Amino acid sequence: MPTSTHRLRADFSERELRDALGEFATGVTVIATRTPDGGCTGFTANSFNSVSLDPPLVVWSLNRRASQLPAFERTACYSINVLTHAQQALAERFAEPRGNGFAGVAFRPGPGGAPLLDDCSAWFECRHHSVTPAGDHVLFIGEVLHLGRTHAGDAMLTFHRGRFGST
């Protein structure tokens, strides 16, 4: 593991890095939580992955400049909602940086109180295992407390080369 604190000069641009990372197709999620005033906030993410089965851990990241960051850092519980191909409009809605993604959206509280979006393929309700700054993002490792599968047979919404698709 490198121990040096200096940064090596990259021989590629940020755009080249984004384009190369875009070659990796991912699923699409909406990560959501309650806000201190009782409302809800959430955002579209494809930075979701499994970490461990025992204990059950998942990982995702959020940009340090995201307006939702304080709510997620302070929350006791949040949800990760895995979207189906029929939910592309929902993904686009929650991707808007200034919009209110929850206005008019059907959801219910999970067992721990986090908002669960209706008609998702699967959902996970988590609490913080660790929160770690990582470059221009913050990594959240969540311990899965509850989960469910509702439309597990449906085609999944994917993101590849900057575009939505399905499996």
C-alpha atoms as a PDB file:
ATOM      1  CA  MET A   1       0.000   0.000   0.000  1.00  0.00           C
ATOM      2  CA  PRO A   2       1.479   3.386  -0.945  1.00  0.00           C
ATOM      3  CA  THR A   3       2.418   5.576   1.993  1.00  0.00           C
ATOM      4  CA  SER A   4       3.480   8.679   0.080  1.00  0.00           C
ATOM      5  CA  THR A   5       1.304  11.754   0.552  1.00  0.00           C
ATOM      6  CA  HIS A   6       2.338  13.485  -2.684  1.00  0.00           C
ATOM      7  CA  ARG A   7       0.163  13.224  -5.750  1.00  0.00           C
ATOM      8  CA  LEU A   8       1.615  11.820  -8.943  1.00  0.00           C
ATOM      9  CA  ARG A   9       0.770  13.743 -12.102  1.00  0.00           C
ATOM     10  CA  ALA A  10      -1.812  11.827 -14.116  1.00  0.00           C
ATOM     11  CA  ASP A  11      -1.166  11.439 -17.836  1.00  0.00           C
ATOM     12  CA  PHE A  12      -4.862  11.758 -18.653  1.00  0.00           C
ATOM     13  CA  SER A  13      -7.562  14.379 -18.327  1.00  0.00           C
ATOM     14  CA  GLU A  14     -10.621  14.225 -16.109  1.00  0.00           C
ATOM     15  CA  ARG A  15     -12.727  13.774 -19.269  1.00  0.00           C
ATOM     16  CA  GLU A  16     -10.583  10.823 -20.384  1.00  0.00           C
ATOM     17  CA  LEU A  17     -11.003   9.238 -16.956  1.00  0.00           C
ATOM     18  CA  ARG A  18     -14.784   9.727 -17.033  1.00  0.00           C
ATOM     19  CA  ASP A  19     -14.990   8.239 -20.533  1.00  0.00           C
ATOM     20  CA  ALA A  20     -12.887   5.210 -19.568  1.00  0.00           C
ATOM     21  CA  LEU A  21     -14.965   4.637 -16.414  1.00  0.00           C
ATOM     22  CA  GLY A  22     -18.087   4.915 -18.574  1.00  0.00           C
ATOM     23  CA  GLU A  23     -17.062   1.706 -20.344  1.00  0.00           C
ATOM     24  CA  PHE A  24     -18.096  -0.149 -17.184  1.00  0.00           C
ATOM     25  CA  ALA A  25     -21.871  -0.666 -17.286  1.00  0.00           C
ATOM     26  CA  THR A  26     -23.595  -0.315 -13.926  1.00  0.00           C
ATOM     27  CA  GLY A  27     -27.016  -0.613 -12.406  1.00  0.00           C
ATOM     28  CA  VAL A  28     -28.868   2.531 -11.350  1.00  0.00           C
ATOM     29  CA  THR A  29     -30.114   3.314  -7.850  1.00  0.00           C
ATOM     30  CA  VAL A  30     -31.805   6.098  -5.948  1.00  0.00           C
ATOM     31  CA  ILE A  31     -30.277   6.535  -2.512  1.00  0.00           C
ATOM     32  CA  ALA A  32     -32.650   8.256  -0.096  1.00  0.00           C
ATOM     33  CA  THR A  33     -33.033   9.352   3.503  1.00  0.00           C
ATOM     34  CA  ARG A  34     -35.173  11.469   5.792  1.00  0.00           C
ATOM     35  CA  THR A  35     -34.109  15.025   6.500  1.00  0.00           C
ATOM     36  CA  PRO A  36     -34.044  16.593   9.982  1.00  0.00           C
ATOM     37  CA  ASP A  37     -37.247  18.533   9.179  1.00  0.00           C
ATOM     38  CA  GLY A  38     -39.128  15.297   8.401  1.00  0.00           C
ATOM     39  CA  GLY A  39     -38.874  15.564   4.630  1.00  0.00           C
ATOM     40  CA  CYS A  40     -36.988  13.286   2.277  1.00  0.00           C
ATOM     41  CA  THR A  41     -33.971  13.726   0.056  1.00  0.00           C
ATOM     42  CA  GLY A  42     -32.358  11.448  -2.473  1.00  0.00           C
ATOM     43  CA  PHE A  43     -30.206  11.250  -5.565  1.00  0.00           C
ATOM     44  CA  THR A  44     -29.512   8.947  -8.492  1.00  0.00           C
ATOM     45  CA  ALA A  45     -26.329   6.904  -8.133  1.00  0.00           C
ATOM     46  CA  ASN A  46     -24.504   4.210 -10.001  1.00  0.00           C
ATOM     47  CA  SER A  47     -21.684   4.092  -7.437  1.00  0.00           C
ATOM     48  CA  PHE A  48     -23.262   1.176  -5.548  1.00  0.00           C
ATOM     49  CA  ASN A  49     -21.643  -2.191  -4.895  1.00  0.00           C
ATOM     50  CA  SER A  50     -21.492  -5.056  -2.431  1.00  0.00           C
ATOM     51  CA  VAL A  51     -18.616  -5.220   0.057  1.00  0.00           C
ATOM     52  CA  SER A  52     -19.296  -8.175   2.352  1.00  0.00           C
ATOM     53  CA  LEU A  53     -21.888 -10.860   3.015  1.00  0.00           C
ATOM     54  CA  ASP A  54     -20.861 -11.361   6.659  1.00  0.00           C
ATOM     55  CA  PRO A  55     -21.491  -8.798   7.933  1.00  0.00           C
ATOM     56  CA  PRO A  56     -23.792  -7.576   5.145  1.00  0.00           C
ATOM     57  CA  LEU A  57     -22.093  -4.419   3.841  1.00  0.00           C
ATOM     58  CA  VAL A  58     -22.563  -2.261   0.739  1.00  0.00           C
ATOM     59  CA  VAL A  59     -20.696   0.813  -0.527  1.00  0.00           C
ATOM     60  CA  TRP A  60     -21.657   3.981  -2.407  1.00  0.00           C
ATOM     61  CA  SER A  61     -20.248   7.469  -2.798  1.00  0.00           C
ATOM     62  CA  LEU A  62     -21.500  11.047  -2.898  1.00  0.00           C
ATOM     63  CA  ASN A  63     -19.763  14.165  -4.190  1.00  0.00           C
ATOM     64  CA  ARG A  64     -18.481  16.394  -1.385  1.00  0.00           C
ATOM     65  CA  ARG A  65     -20.282  19.370  -2.989  1.00  0.00           C
ATOM     66  CA  ALA A  66     -23.681  17.638  -3.100  1.00  0.00           C
ATOM     67  CA  SER A  67     -26.389  19.537  -1.248  1.00  0.00           C
ATOM     68  CA  GLN A  68     -27.626  16.234   0.230  1.00  0.00           C
ATOM     69  CA  LEU A  69     -24.289  15.378   1.884  1.00  0.00           C
ATOM     70  CA  PRO A  70     -25.114  16.782   5.356  1.00  0.00           C
ATOM     71  CA  ALA A  71     -28.399  14.841   5.486  1.00  0.00           C
ATOM     72  CA  PHE A  72     -26.639  11.575   4.638  1.00  0.00           C
ATOM     73  CA  GLU A  73     -23.767  12.191   7.034  1.00  0.00           C
ATOM     74  CA  ARG A  74     -26.202  12.813   9.913  1.00  0.00           C
ATOM     75  CA  THR A  75     -28.856  10.195   9.193  1.00  0.00           C
ATOM     76  CA  ALA A  76     -29.335   7.052  11.245  1.00  0.00           C
ATOM     77  CA  CYS A  77     -30.839   5.126   8.334  1.00  0.00           C
ATOM     78  CA  TYR A  78     -30.993   5.390   4.541  1.00  0.00           C
ATOM     79  CA  SER A  79     -32.287   3.344   1.628  1.00  0.00           C
ATOM     80  CA  ILE A  80     -30.771   2.174  -1.630  1.00  0.00           C
ATOM     81  CA  ASN A  81     -33.479   1.577  -4.239  1.00  0.00           C
ATOM     82  CA  VAL A  82     -32.458  -0.523  -7.287  1.00  0.00           C
ATOM     83  CA  LEU A  83     -34.335   0.740 -10.352  1.00  0.00           C
ATOM     84  CA  THR A  84     -35.990  -1.258 -13.123  1.00  0.00           C
ATOM     85  CA  HIS A  85     -35.888  -0.270 -16.797  1.00  0.00           C
ATOM     86  CA  ALA A  86     -39.393   1.223 -16.396  1.00  0.00           C
ATOM     87  CA  GLN A  87     -38.032   3.769 -13.889  1.00  0.00           C
ATOM     88  CA  GLN A  88     -35.709   5.787 -16.134  1.00  0.00           C
ATOM     89  CA  ALA A  89     -37.807   8.933 -15.639  1.00  0.00           C
ATOM     90  CA  LEU A  90     -37.398   8.483 -11.887  1.00  0.00           C
ATOM     91  CA  ALA A  91     -33.612   8.191 -12.299  1.00  0.00           C
ATOM     92  CA  GLU A  92     -33.571  11.372 -14.383  1.00  0.00           C
ATOM     93  CA  ARG A  93     -35.740  13.182 -11.839  1.00  0.00           C
ATOM     94  CA  PHE A  94     -33.467  12.323  -8.894  1.00  0.00           C
ATOM     95  CA  ALA A  95     -30.385  13.225 -10.966  1.00  0.00           C
ATOM     96  CA  GLU A  96     -31.483  16.882 -11.078  1.00  0.00           C
ATOM     97  CA  PRO A  97     -29.234  18.745  -8.623  1.00  0.00           C
ATOM     98  CA  ARG A  98     -31.819  21.311  -7.505  1.00  0.00           C
ATOM     99  CA  GLY A  99     -35.075  19.447  -7.976  1.00  0.00           C
ATOM    100  CA  ASN A 100     -37.356  17.922  -5.383  1.00  0.00           C
ATOM    101  CA  GLY A 101     -37.243  14.307  -6.514  1.00  0.00           C
ATOM    102  CA  PHE A 102     -39.872  13.207  -4.005  1.00  0.00           C
ATOM    103  CA  ALA A 103     -42.635  15.597  -5.121  1.00  0.00           C
ATOM    104  CA  GLY A 104     -45.431  13.341  -6.368  1.00  0.00           C
ATOM    105  CA  VAL A 105     -43.337  10.142  -6.135  1.00  0.00           C
ATOM    106  CA  ALA A 106     -44.872   7.048  -4.526  1.00  0.00           C
ATOM    107  CA  PHE A 107     -42.853   5.746  -1.591  1.00  0.00           C
ATOM    108  CA  ARG A 108     -43.344   4.224   1.830  1.00  0.00           C
ATOM    109  CA  PRO A 109     -41.246   4.200   4.991  1.00  0.00           C
ATOM    110  CA  GLY A 110     -39.017   1.172   5.456  1.00  0.00           C
ATOM    111  CA  PRO A 111     -38.789  -0.719   8.753  1.00  0.00           C
ATOM    112  CA  GLY A 112     -36.170   1.798   9.924  1.00  0.00           C
ATOM    113  CA  GLY A 113     -38.031   4.806   8.501  1.00  0.00           C
ATOM    114  CA  ALA A 114     -35.978   5.420   5.340  1.00  0.00           C
ATOM    115  CA  PRO A 115     -38.007   6.175   2.186  1.00  0.00           C
ATOM    116  CA  LEU A 116     -38.495   3.133  -0.070  1.00  0.00           C
ATOM    117  CA  LEU A 117     -39.530   3.930  -3.640  1.00  0.00           C
ATOM    118  CA  ASP A 118     -42.435   1.912  -5.026  1.00  0.00           C
ATOM    119  CA  ASP A 119     -41.902  -0.597  -7.848  1.00  0.00           C
ATOM    120  CA  CYS A 120     -38.126  -0.980  -7.520  1.00  0.00           C
ATOM    121  CA  SER A 121     -36.422  -4.274  -8.264  1.00  0.00           C
ATOM    122  CA  ALA A 122     -34.844  -4.419  -4.811  1.00  0.00           C
ATOM    123  CA  TRP A 123     -34.217  -2.171  -1.838  1.00  0.00           C
ATOM    124  CA  PHE A 124     -31.758  -2.083   1.034  1.00  0.00           C
ATOM    125  CA  GLU A 125     -32.178  -0.180   4.268  1.00  0.00           C
ATOM    126  CA  CYS A 126     -28.833   0.566   5.900  1.00  0.00           C
ATOM    127  CA  ARG A 127     -27.071   2.300   8.753  1.00  0.00           C
ATOM    128  CA  HIS A 128     -23.551   3.701   8.649  1.00  0.00           C
ATOM    129  CA  HIS A 129     -20.710   1.243   9.080  1.00  0.00           C
ATOM    130  CA  SER A 130     -18.156   3.873   8.044  1.00  0.00           C
ATOM    131  CA  VAL A 131     -18.015   7.257   6.321  1.00  0.00           C
ATOM    132  CA  THR A 132     -14.671   8.136   4.721  1.00  0.00           C
ATOM    133  CA  PRO A 133     -13.521  11.140   2.664  1.00  0.00           C
ATOM    134  CA  ALA A 134     -12.059   9.958  -0.661  1.00  0.00           C
ATOM    135  CA  GLY A 135     -10.863  12.655  -3.056  1.00  0.00           C
ATOM    136  CA  ASP A 136     -13.776  14.770  -4.263  1.00  0.00           C
ATOM    137  CA  HIS A 137     -16.294  12.246  -2.877  1.00  0.00           C
ATOM    138  CA  VAL A 138     -17.254  10.683   0.441  1.00  0.00           C
ATOM    139  CA  LEU A 139     -17.466   6.875   0.645  1.00  0.00           C
ATOM    140  CA  PHE A 140     -20.327   5.436   2.656  1.00  0.00           C
ATOM    141  CA  ILE A 141     -20.125   1.821   3.732  1.00  0.00           C
ATOM    142  CA  GLY A 142     -23.530   0.754   4.960  1.00  0.00           C
ATOM    143  CA  GLU A 143     -24.567  -2.191   7.075  1.00  0.00           C
ATOM    144  CA  VAL A 144     -27.697  -3.707   5.548  1.00  0.00           C
ATOM    145  CA  LEU A 145     -30.427  -3.924   8.201  1.00  0.00           C
ATOM    146  CA  HIS A 146     -33.399  -4.800   5.973  1.00  0.00           C
ATOM    147  CA  LEU A 147     -33.897  -5.672   2.320  1.00  0.00           C
ATOM    148  CA  GLY A 148     -36.604  -6.623  -0.100  1.00  0.00           C
ATOM    149  CA  ARG A 149     -37.162  -7.680  -3.690  1.00  0.00           C
ATOM    150  CA  THR A 150     -40.351  -6.529  -5.369  1.00  0.00           C
ATOM    151  CA  HIS A 151     -39.819  -6.601  -9.143  1.00  0.00           C
ATOM    152  CA  ALA A 152     -36.817  -8.919  -9.236  1.00  0.00           C
ATOM    153  CA  GLY A 153     -37.777 -10.456 -12.594  1.00  0.00           C
ATOM    154  CA  ASP A 154     -38.011  -7.141 -14.450  1.00  0.00           C
ATOM    155  CA  ALA A 155     -35.279  -5.825 -16.733  1.00  0.00           C
ATOM    156  CA  MET A 156     -32.830  -3.596 -14.895  1.00  0.00           C
ATOM    157  CA  LEU A 157     -32.042   0.031 -15.634  1.00  0.00           C
ATOM    158  CA  THR A 158     -28.364   0.371 -16.562  1.00  0.00           C
ATOM    159  CA  PHE A 159     -25.942   3.218 -17.189  1.00  0.00           C
ATOM    160  CA  HIS A 160     -23.211   2.832 -19.821  1.00  0.00           C
ATOM    161  CA  ARG A 161     -21.199   5.402 -21.774  1.00  0.00           C
ATOM    162  CA  GLY A 162     -23.266   8.230 -20.304  1.00  0.00           C
ATOM    163  CA  ARG A 163     -26.617   6.763 -21.360  1.00  0.00           C
ATOM    164  CA  PHE A 164     -29.390   4.784 -19.765  1.00  0.00           C
ATOM    165  CA  GLY A 165     -30.149   1.311 -21.069  1.00  0.00           C
ATOM    166  CA  SER A 166     -31.571  -1.967 -19.814  1.00  0.00           C
ATOM    167  CA  THR A 167     -30.615  -5.595 -19.406  1.00  0.00           C
END
